[in-house]
C-alpha atoms as a PDB file:
ATOM      1  CA  UNK A   1     113.921 188.640  -7.735  1.00  0.00           C
ATOM      2  CA  UNK A   2     115.114 190.563  -4.743  1.00  0.00           C
ATOM      3  CA  UNK A   3     115.089 187.540  -2.410  1.00  0.00           C
ATOM      4  CA  UNK A   4     117.922 185.025  -2.561  1.00  0.00           C
ATOM      5  CA  UNK A   5     115.934 181.822  -2.044  1.00  0.00           C
ATOM      6  CA  UNK A   6     112.947 181.636  -4.409  1.00  0.00           C
ATOM      7  CA  UNK A   7     112.783 182.083  -8.175  1.00  0.00           C
ATOM      8  CA  UNK A   8     110.062 184.087  -9.910  1.00  0.00           C
ATOM      9  CA  UNK A   9     108.275 180.810 -10.733  1.00  0.00           C
ATOM     10  CA  UNK A  10     108.383 179.654  -7.103  1.00  0.00           C
ATOM     11  CA  UNK A  11     106.941 182.983  -5.957  1.00  0.00           C
ATOM     12  CA  UNK A  12     104.230 182.662  -8.641  1.00  0.00           C
ATOM     13  CA  UNK A  13     103.403 179.129  -7.463  1.00  0.00           C
ATOM     14  CA  UNK A  14     103.257 180.334  -3.841  1.00  0.00           C
ATOM     15  CA  UNK A  15     100.689 183.021  -4.715  1.00  0.00           C
ATOM     16  CA  UNK A  16      98.788 180.606  -6.984  1.00  0.00           C
ATOM     17  CA  UNK A  17      98.631 177.935  -4.277  1.00  0.00           C
ATOM     18  CA  UNK A  18      97.320 180.459  -1.758  1.00  0.00           C
ATOM     19  CA  UNK A  19      94.582 181.594  -4.162  1.00  0.00           C
ATOM     20  CA  UNK A  20      93.580 178.042  -5.073  1.00  0.00           C
ATOM     21  CA  UNK A  21      93.341 176.982  -1.436  1.00  0.00           C
ATOM     22  CA  UNK A  22      90.776 179.776  -0.944  1.00  0.00           C
ATOM     23  CA  UNK A  23      88.948 179.043  -4.236  1.00  0.00           C
ATOM     24  CA  UNK A  24      86.096 179.740  -4.993  1.00  0.00           C
ATOM     25  CA  UNK A  25      86.321 182.514  -2.418  1.00  0.00           C
ATOM     26  CA  UNK A  26      88.616 185.488  -2.749  1.00  0.00           C
ATOM     27  CA  UNK A  27      92.100 185.419  -1.264  1.00  0.00           C
ATOM     28  CA  UNK A  28      93.900 188.174   0.549  1.00  0.00           C
ATOM     29  CA  UNK A  29      97.254 188.246  -1.261  1.00  0.00           C
ATOM     30  CA  UNK A  30      99.023 190.476   1.231  1.00  0.00           C
ATOM     31  CA  UNK A  31     102.591 189.093   1.352  1.00  0.00           C
ATOM     32  CA  UNK A  32     102.513 188.133   5.039  1.00  0.00           C
ATOM     33  CA  UNK A  33      99.202 186.270   4.624  1.00  0.00           C
ATOM     34  CA  UNK A  34     100.493 184.524   1.487  1.00  0.00           C
ATOM     35  CA  UNK A  35     103.679 183.369   3.255  1.00  0.00           C
ATOM     36  CA  UNK A  36     101.719 182.177   6.306  1.00  0.00           C
ATOM     37  CA  UNK A  37      99.419 180.131   4.051  1.00  0.00           C
ATOM     38  CA  UNK A  38     102.462 178.650   2.300  1.00  0.00           C
ATOM     39  CA  UNK A  39     104.073 177.728   5.627  1.00  0.00           C
ATOM     40  CA  UNK A  40     100.866 176.160   6.921  1.00  0.00           C
ATOM     41  CA  UNK A  41     100.337 174.149   3.720  1.00  0.00           C
ATOM     42  CA  UNK A  42     103.958 172.906   3.935  1.00  0.00           C
ATOM     43  CA  UNK A  43     103.285 171.577   7.451  1.00  0.00           C
ATOM     44  CA  UNK A  44     105.340 174.219   9.220  1.00  0.00           C
ATOM     45  CA  UNK A  45     104.298 175.520  12.611  1.00  0.00           C
ATOM     46  CA  UNK A  46     106.016 178.846  11.921  1.00  0.00           C
ATOM     47  CA  UNK A  47     104.273 182.097  11.121  1.00  0.00           C
ATOM     48  CA  UNK A  48     105.926 184.803   9.090  1.00  0.00           C
ATOM     49  CA  UNK A  49     106.481 188.047  10.935  1.00  0.00           C
ATOM     50  CA  UNK A  50     105.419 191.359   9.560  1.00  0.00           C
ATOM     51  CA  UNK A  51     108.292 193.010   7.706  1.00  0.00           C
ATOM     52  CA  UNK A  52     110.816 194.435  10.140  1.00  0.00           C
ATOM     53  CA  UNK A  53     109.746 192.413  13.194  1.00  0.00           C
ATOM     54  CA  UNK A  54     111.909 189.892  15.028  1.00  0.00           C
ATOM     55  CA  UNK A  55     110.911 186.249  14.784  1.00  0.00           C
ATOM     56  CA  UNK A  56     110.871 183.887  17.733  1.00  0.00           C
ATOM     57  CA  UNK A  57     110.649 180.120  17.424  1.00  0.00           C
ATOM     58  CA  UNK A  58     111.488 176.827  19.059  1.00  0.00           C
ATOM     59  CA  UNK A  59     114.433 175.004  17.500  1.00  0.00           C
ATOM     60  CA  UNK A  60     112.299 171.946  16.723  1.00  0.00           C
ATOM     61  CA  UNK A  61     109.935 174.125  14.663  1.00  0.00           C
ATOM     62  CA  UNK A  62     112.533 174.555  11.914  1.00  0.00           C
ATOM     63  CA  UNK A  63     111.836 171.865   9.350  1.00  0.00           C
ATOM     64  CA  UNK A  64     112.850 173.244   5.980  1.00  0.00           C
ATOM     65  CA  UNK A  65     115.217 175.565   4.175  1.00  0.00           C
ATOM     66  CA  UNK A  66     112.294 177.970   3.743  1.00  0.00           C
ATOM     67  CA  UNK A  67     111.709 177.961   7.532  1.00  0.00           C
ATOM     68  CA  UNK A  68     115.368 178.815   8.115  1.00  0.00           C
ATOM     69  CA  UNK A  69     115.119 181.592   5.521  1.00  0.00           C
ATOM     70  CA  UNK A  70     112.069 183.105   7.234  1.00  0.00           C
ATOM     71  CA  UNK A  71     113.741 182.909  10.640  1.00  0.00           C
ATOM     72  CA  UNK A  72     117.350 183.837   9.902  1.00  0.00           C
ATOM     73  CA  UNK A  73     117.682 185.826   6.719  1.00  0.00           C
ATOM     74  CA  UNK A  74     117.807 189.553   7.461  1.00  0.00           C
ATOM     75  CA  UNK A  75     116.781 190.115   3.857  1.00  0.00           C
ATOM     76  CA  UNK A  76     113.499 188.176   4.142  1.00  0.00           C
ATOM     77  CA  UNK A  77     111.652 191.421   3.575  1.00  0.00           C
ATOM     78  CA  UNK A  78     112.848 191.115  -0.027  1.00  0.00           C
ATOM     79  CA  UNK A  79     110.555 188.082  -0.307  1.00  0.00           C
ATOM     80  CA  UNK A  80     107.596 190.190   0.842  1.00  0.00           C
ATOM     81  CA  UNK A  81     108.502 192.763  -1.828  1.00  0.00           C
ATOM     82  CA  UNK A  82     108.792 190.010  -4.468  1.00  0.00           C
ATOM     83  CA  UNK A  83     105.363 188.653  -3.524  1.00  0.00           C
ATOM     84  CA  UNK A  84     103.815 192.131  -3.730  1.00  0.00           C
ATOM     85  CA  UNK A  85     105.438 192.654  -7.139  1.00  0.00           C
ATOM     86  CA  UNK A  86     104.266 189.235  -8.355  1.00  0.00           C
ATOM     87  CA  UNK A  87     100.680 189.856  -7.210  1.00  0.00           C
ATOM     88  CA  UNK A  88     100.678 193.208  -9.005  1.00  0.00           C
ATOM     89  CA  UNK A  89     102.047 191.561 -12.189  1.00  0.00           C
ATOM     90  CA  UNK A  90      99.502 188.735 -11.944  1.00  0.00           C
ATOM     91  CA  UNK A  91      96.645 191.231 -11.602  1.00  0.00           C
ATOM     92  CA  UNK A  92      97.912 193.349 -14.511  1.00  0.00           C
ATOM     93  CA  UNK A  93      98.223 190.241 -16.704  1.00  0.00           C
ATOM     94  CA  UNK A  94      94.801 188.757 -15.900  1.00  0.00           C
ATOM     95  CA  UNK A  95      95.910 185.908 -13.614  1.00  0.00           C
ATOM     96  CA  UNK A  96      94.040 187.551 -10.734  1.00  0.00           C
ATOM     97  CA  UNK A  97      90.788 189.504 -10.690  1.00  0.00           C
ATOM     98  CA  UNK A  98      90.241 192.220  -8.129  1.00  0.00           C
ATOM     99  CA  UNK A  99      87.980 191.376  -5.204  1.00  0.00           C
ATOM    100  CA  UNK A 100      87.235 195.117  -5.019  1.00  0.00           C
ATOM    101  CA  UNK A 101      86.936 195.028  -1.220  1.00  0.00           C
ATOM    102  CA  UNK A 102      90.569 195.830  -0.488  1.00  0.00           C
ATOM    103  CA  UNK A 103      93.619 196.372  -2.638  1.00  0.00           C
ATOM    104  CA  UNK A 104      95.226 192.994  -1.821  1.00  0.00           C
ATOM    105  CA  UNK A 105      92.091 190.827  -2.258  1.00  0.00           C
ATOM    106  CA  UNK A 106      91.725 188.837  -5.485  1.00  0.00           C
ATOM    107  CA  UNK A 107      89.830 186.007  -7.130  1.00  0.00           C
ATOM    108  CA  UNK A 108      91.770 183.530  -9.270  1.00  0.00           C
ATOM    109  CA  UNK A 109      91.011 183.908 -12.966  1.00  0.00           C
ATOM    110  CA  UNK A 110      90.612 181.093 -15.492  1.00  0.00           C
ATOM    111  CA  UNK A 111      94.129 181.935 -16.662  1.00  0.00           C
ATOM    112  CA  UNK A 112      95.510 181.256 -13.174  1.00  0.00           C
ATOM    113  CA  UNK A 113      93.577 177.997 -12.930  1.00  0.00           C
ATOM    114  CA  UNK A 114      95.088 176.826 -16.239  1.00  0.00           C
ATOM    115  CA  UNK A 115      98.670 177.953 -15.510  1.00  0.00           C
ATOM    116  CA  UNK A 116     100.375 175.885 -12.783  1.00  0.00           C
ATOM    117  CA  UNK A 117     103.739 177.451 -13.613  1.00  0.00           C
ATOM    118  CA  UNK A 118     105.226 180.355 -15.525  1.00  0.00           C
ATOM    119  CA  UNK A 119     107.862 178.078 -17.061  1.00  0.00           C
ATOM    120  CA  UNK A 120     106.538 177.059 -20.447  1.00  0.00           C
END
């Protein structure tokens, strides 16, 4: 993993959670959308910036280590790259099925539904 905070399994679970929250509809697995869904589901009022943009926030918005990472870590773009890599791997290994509308849109497969973690 290029990012310093999340393991490959945590990135997998982030993408999986995003897809399952949209199930049975397709999910846009663009990294920024995936992170925003993760933040919202965790109860955070933060929104992830697009890679390379500054992030503004109120001090009382910061509620978790992940929030601080999104706000402060200059290497947070590595997380976006890790998510993109994970989505590509998941699609190539039949965890995600292409939504065919756009490159980043997928349906969860049966394999994804049955695999809550990559740690076996």
